[in-house]
Structures are given as structure tokens and as C-alpha cells.
Amino acid sequence: QAQLVESGGGLVQPGGSLRLSCVASGSIFRPYTMGWHRQVPGKQREFVARITDIGSIDYGDSVKGRFTISRDSTKNTVYLQMNSLKPEDTAVYYCNGARGANVYWGQGTQVTVSS
């Protein structure tokens, strides 16, 4: 059964850094575009970043220049390095894998940026 498991969330002060990880099991990963979205209660889920199976990368406007997405095929893992964090980055961060009509989501990990 396909599964995505995120980790690495937590509480960090403004200006700090965190690295999120997402491990994919089953048949997800190699041919899939992997990505991160985030959601604040009462708001729509927001696109953060994605990386295709051949390494093409896109970022949401609000995180460009601060966040970096990467993937390690040997570990079936996608990472999100988050630097210069701001209070408005506070959200639940979700990993997803997509290929055509097949889309899978992780359970989410909370990131809180606060002093």
C-alpha cells in the first residue's frame, strides 16, 4: 500500500531553519512528481514546492529564495529545507506524490514559527 510519512516539523524562532523529510513507500516515488503543500486552519491548501522525477523544480512565490526542495532516490525521500522562516510560514506541511491521476498525501507535520 502506498504511503507517505512526513517528519521534521516543530517549533522554531523567526529567522530559523527546519528540514522536513517525507519517506515514500510502496510504488510511490521514482516516477512521481513529489511536492510539499501547506495549510492553515480556515484557509485553502497552498502550494509550496515540487520536484519532478527528472529534477525539474518549482516553488510557490511566498517561499522562493528561502526554501529548497530535493529528493534522494536511494532513500525514497523528498526533503524541504526551510530557511529564514517567518511567522506566516506557520502551517501544517503535507507531502504529496503525483503521477497522472494518481495523487497521494501524507498525514502532515506541524511547523510553528514563533518567538
C-alpha atoms as a PDB file:
ATOM      1  CA  GLN A   1       0.000   0.000   0.000  1.00  0.00           C
ATOM      2  CA  ALA A   2       1.344   3.399  -0.966  1.00  0.00           C
ATOM      3  CA  GLN A   3       2.251   5.600   1.972  1.00  0.00           C
ATOM      4  CA  LEU A   4       3.945   8.931   2.603  1.00  0.00           C
ATOM      5  CA  VAL A   5       5.297   9.774   6.059  1.00  0.00           C
ATOM      6  CA  GLU A   6       6.487  13.273   6.933  1.00  0.00           C
ATOM      7  CA  SER A   7       8.784  14.256   9.772  1.00  0.00           C
ATOM      8  CA  GLY A   8      10.881  17.190  10.910  1.00  0.00           C
ATOM      9  CA  GLY A   9       8.255  19.693  11.928  1.00  0.00           C
ATOM     10  CA  GLY A  10       8.377  21.613  15.173  1.00  0.00           C
ATOM     11  CA  LEU A  11       8.682  24.992  16.829  1.00  0.00           C
ATOM     12  CA  VAL A  12      11.313  27.414  15.566  1.00  0.00           C
ATOM     13  CA  GLN A  13      12.020  31.095  16.113  1.00  0.00           C
ATOM     14  CA  PRO A  14      11.655  33.618  13.296  1.00  0.00           C
ATOM     15  CA  GLY A  15      14.745  33.560  11.109  1.00  0.00           C
ATOM     16  CA  GLY A  16      15.469  29.967  11.983  1.00  0.00           C
ATOM     17  CA  SER A  17      15.594  26.836   9.843  1.00  0.00           C
ATOM     18  CA  LEU A  18      13.954  23.433   9.679  1.00  0.00           C
ATOM     19  CA  ARG A  19      14.270  20.481   7.325  1.00  0.00           C
ATOM     20  CA  LEU A  20      11.232  18.388   6.581  1.00  0.00           C
ATOM     21  CA  SER A  21      11.520  14.843   5.290  1.00  0.00           C
ATOM     22  CA  CYS A  22       8.994  12.654   3.541  1.00  0.00           C
ATOM     23  CA  VAL A  23       9.616   8.949   3.080  1.00  0.00           C
ATOM     24  CA  ALA A  24       7.612   7.203   0.368  1.00  0.00           C
ATOM     25  CA  SER A  25       6.784   3.514   0.481  1.00  0.00           C
ATOM     26  CA  GLY A  26       5.245   1.123  -1.931  1.00  0.00           C
ATOM     27  CA  SER A  27       5.292   2.064  -5.564  1.00  0.00           C
ATOM     28  CA  ILE A  28       5.434   5.794  -4.975  1.00  0.00           C
ATOM     29  CA  PHE A  29       8.484   7.829  -5.707  1.00  0.00           C
ATOM     30  CA  ARG A  30      10.667   7.107  -8.660  1.00  0.00           C
ATOM     31  CA  PRO A  31       8.307   8.080 -11.499  1.00  0.00           C
ATOM     32  CA  TYR A  32       6.342  10.521  -9.370  1.00  0.00           C
ATOM     33  CA  THR A  33       6.484  14.273  -9.014  1.00  0.00           C
ATOM     34  CA  MET A  34       6.973  14.854  -5.307  1.00  0.00           C
ATOM     35  CA  GLY A  35       5.928  18.020  -3.585  1.00  0.00           C
ATOM     36  CA  TRP A  36       5.003  19.958  -0.496  1.00  0.00           C
ATOM     37  CA  HIS A  37       1.892  21.952   0.296  1.00  0.00           C
ATOM     38  CA  ARG A  38       0.864  23.688   3.493  1.00  0.00           C
ATOM     39  CA  GLN A  39      -2.402  24.592   5.134  1.00  0.00           C
ATOM     40  CA  VAL A  40      -3.551  26.930   7.852  1.00  0.00           C
ATOM     41  CA  PRO A  41      -6.932  26.269   9.514  1.00  0.00           C
ATOM     42  CA  GLY A  42      -9.702  28.017   7.634  1.00  0.00           C
ATOM     43  CA  LYS A  43      -7.617  28.548   4.505  1.00  0.00           C
ATOM     44  CA  GLN A  44      -7.049  26.611   1.305  1.00  0.00           C
ATOM     45  CA  ARG A  45      -4.063  24.335   0.959  1.00  0.00           C
ATOM     46  CA  GLU A  46      -1.169  26.303  -0.537  1.00  0.00           C
ATOM     47  CA  PHE A  47       1.436  25.027  -2.981  1.00  0.00           C
ATOM     48  CA  VAL A  48       4.974  25.248  -1.599  1.00  0.00           C
ATOM     49  CA  ALA A  49       7.315  23.323  -3.895  1.00  0.00           C
ATOM     50  CA  ARG A  50       7.569  20.334  -6.224  1.00  0.00           C
ATOM     51  CA  ILE A  51      10.279  18.324  -7.918  1.00  0.00           C
ATOM     52  CA  THR A  52       9.716  16.038 -10.882  1.00  0.00           C
ATOM     53  CA  ASP A  53      11.263  12.631 -11.457  1.00  0.00           C
ATOM     54  CA  ILE A  54      13.906  14.278 -13.665  1.00  0.00           C
ATOM     55  CA  GLY A  55      14.662  17.045 -11.185  1.00  0.00           C
ATOM     56  CA  SER A  56      12.673  19.999 -12.506  1.00  0.00           C
ATOM     57  CA  ILE A  57      11.709  22.249  -9.610  1.00  0.00           C
ATOM     58  CA  ASP A  58       9.019  24.859  -8.946  1.00  0.00           C
ATOM     59  CA  TYR A  59       8.363  26.981  -5.863  1.00  0.00           C
ATOM     60  CA  GLY A  60       5.450  28.987  -4.603  1.00  0.00           C
ATOM     61  CA  ASP A  61       6.059  32.726  -4.702  1.00  0.00           C
ATOM     62  CA  SER A  62       5.951  33.081  -0.936  1.00  0.00           C
ATOM     63  CA  VAL A  63       8.881  30.703  -0.373  1.00  0.00           C
ATOM     64  CA  LYS A  64      11.169  31.409  -3.328  1.00  0.00           C
ATOM     65  CA  GLY A  65      14.725  32.093  -2.219  1.00  0.00           C
ATOM     66  CA  ARG A  66      14.120  30.678   1.268  1.00  0.00           C
ATOM     67  CA  PHE A  67      13.040  27.060   0.763  1.00  0.00           C
ATOM     68  CA  THR A  68      14.806  24.304  -1.148  1.00  0.00           C
ATOM     69  CA  ILE A  69      13.279  21.019  -2.260  1.00  0.00           C
ATOM     70  CA  SER A  70      15.357  17.961  -3.062  1.00  0.00           C
ATOM     71  CA  ARG A  71      14.916  14.239  -3.470  1.00  0.00           C
ATOM     72  CA  ASP A  72      17.058  11.195  -2.783  1.00  0.00           C
ATOM     73  CA  SER A  73      16.027   8.227  -4.899  1.00  0.00           C
ATOM     74  CA  THR A  74      18.243   5.859  -2.923  1.00  0.00           C
ATOM     75  CA  LYS A  75      16.166   6.604   0.170  1.00  0.00           C
ATOM     76  CA  ASN A  76      12.765   7.225  -1.474  1.00  0.00           C
ATOM     77  CA  THR A  77      12.793  10.535   0.367  1.00  0.00           C
ATOM     78  CA  VAL A  78      11.960  14.108  -0.527  1.00  0.00           C
ATOM     79  CA  TYR A  79      13.220  16.977   1.607  1.00  0.00           C
ATOM     80  CA  LEU A  80      12.190  20.558   2.191  1.00  0.00           C
ATOM     81  CA  GLN A  81      14.918  22.766   3.620  1.00  0.00           C
ATOM     82  CA  MET A  82      13.292  25.861   5.075  1.00  0.00           C
ATOM     83  CA  ASN A  83      15.481  28.854   5.921  1.00  0.00           C
ATOM     84  CA  SER A  84      14.725  32.399   7.097  1.00  0.00           C
ATOM     85  CA  LEU A  85      11.423  31.202   8.485  1.00  0.00           C
ATOM     86  CA  LYS A  86       8.690  33.739   9.162  1.00  0.00           C
ATOM     87  CA  PRO A  87       5.627  33.559  11.418  1.00  0.00           C
ATOM     88  CA  GLU A  88       3.471  33.386   8.297  1.00  0.00           C
ATOM     89  CA  ASP A  89       5.152  30.088   7.410  1.00  0.00           C
ATOM     90  CA  THR A  90       3.314  28.519  10.333  1.00  0.00           C
ATOM     91  CA  ALA A  91       1.123  25.723   8.955  1.00  0.00           C
ATOM     92  CA  VAL A  92       0.683  22.001   8.627  1.00  0.00           C
ATOM     93  CA  TYR A  93       3.004  20.857   5.850  1.00  0.00           C
ATOM     94  CA  TYR A  94       1.879  17.979   3.658  1.00  0.00           C
ATOM     95  CA  CYS A  95       3.979  15.846   1.357  1.00  0.00           C
ATOM     96  CA  ASN A  96       2.404  14.559  -1.830  1.00  0.00           C
ATOM     97  CA  GLY A  97       3.275  12.319  -4.728  1.00  0.00           C
ATOM     98  CA  ALA A  98       1.565  12.711  -8.083  1.00  0.00           C
ATOM     99  CA  ARG A  99       1.637  10.862 -11.367  1.00  0.00           C
ATOM    100  CA  GLY A 100      -1.191  11.428 -13.784  1.00  0.00           C
ATOM    101  CA  ALA A 101      -4.474  10.865 -11.972  1.00  0.00           C
ATOM    102  CA  ASN A 102      -2.759   9.194  -9.016  1.00  0.00           C
ATOM    103  CA  VAL A 103      -2.153  11.541  -6.115  1.00  0.00           C
ATOM    104  CA  TYR A 104      -1.110  10.506  -2.628  1.00  0.00           C
ATOM    105  CA  TRP A 105      -0.824  12.625   0.505  1.00  0.00           C
ATOM    106  CA  GLY A 106       0.950  12.241   3.804  1.00  0.00           C
ATOM    107  CA  GLN A 107      -0.632  12.926   7.167  1.00  0.00           C
ATOM    108  CA  GLY A 108       1.107  16.275   7.615  1.00  0.00           C
ATOM    109  CA  THR A 109       3.613  17.733  10.048  1.00  0.00           C
ATOM    110  CA  GLN A 110       3.134  20.929  12.045  1.00  0.00           C
ATOM    111  CA  VAL A 111       5.571  23.796  11.623  1.00  0.00           C
ATOM    112  CA  THR A 112       5.244  26.687  14.042  1.00  0.00           C
ATOM    113  CA  VAL A 113       7.364  29.826  13.700  1.00  0.00           C
ATOM    114  CA  SER A 114       7.129  31.927  16.824  1.00  0.00           C
ATOM    115  CA  SER A 115       9.280  33.747  19.341  1.00  0.00           C
END
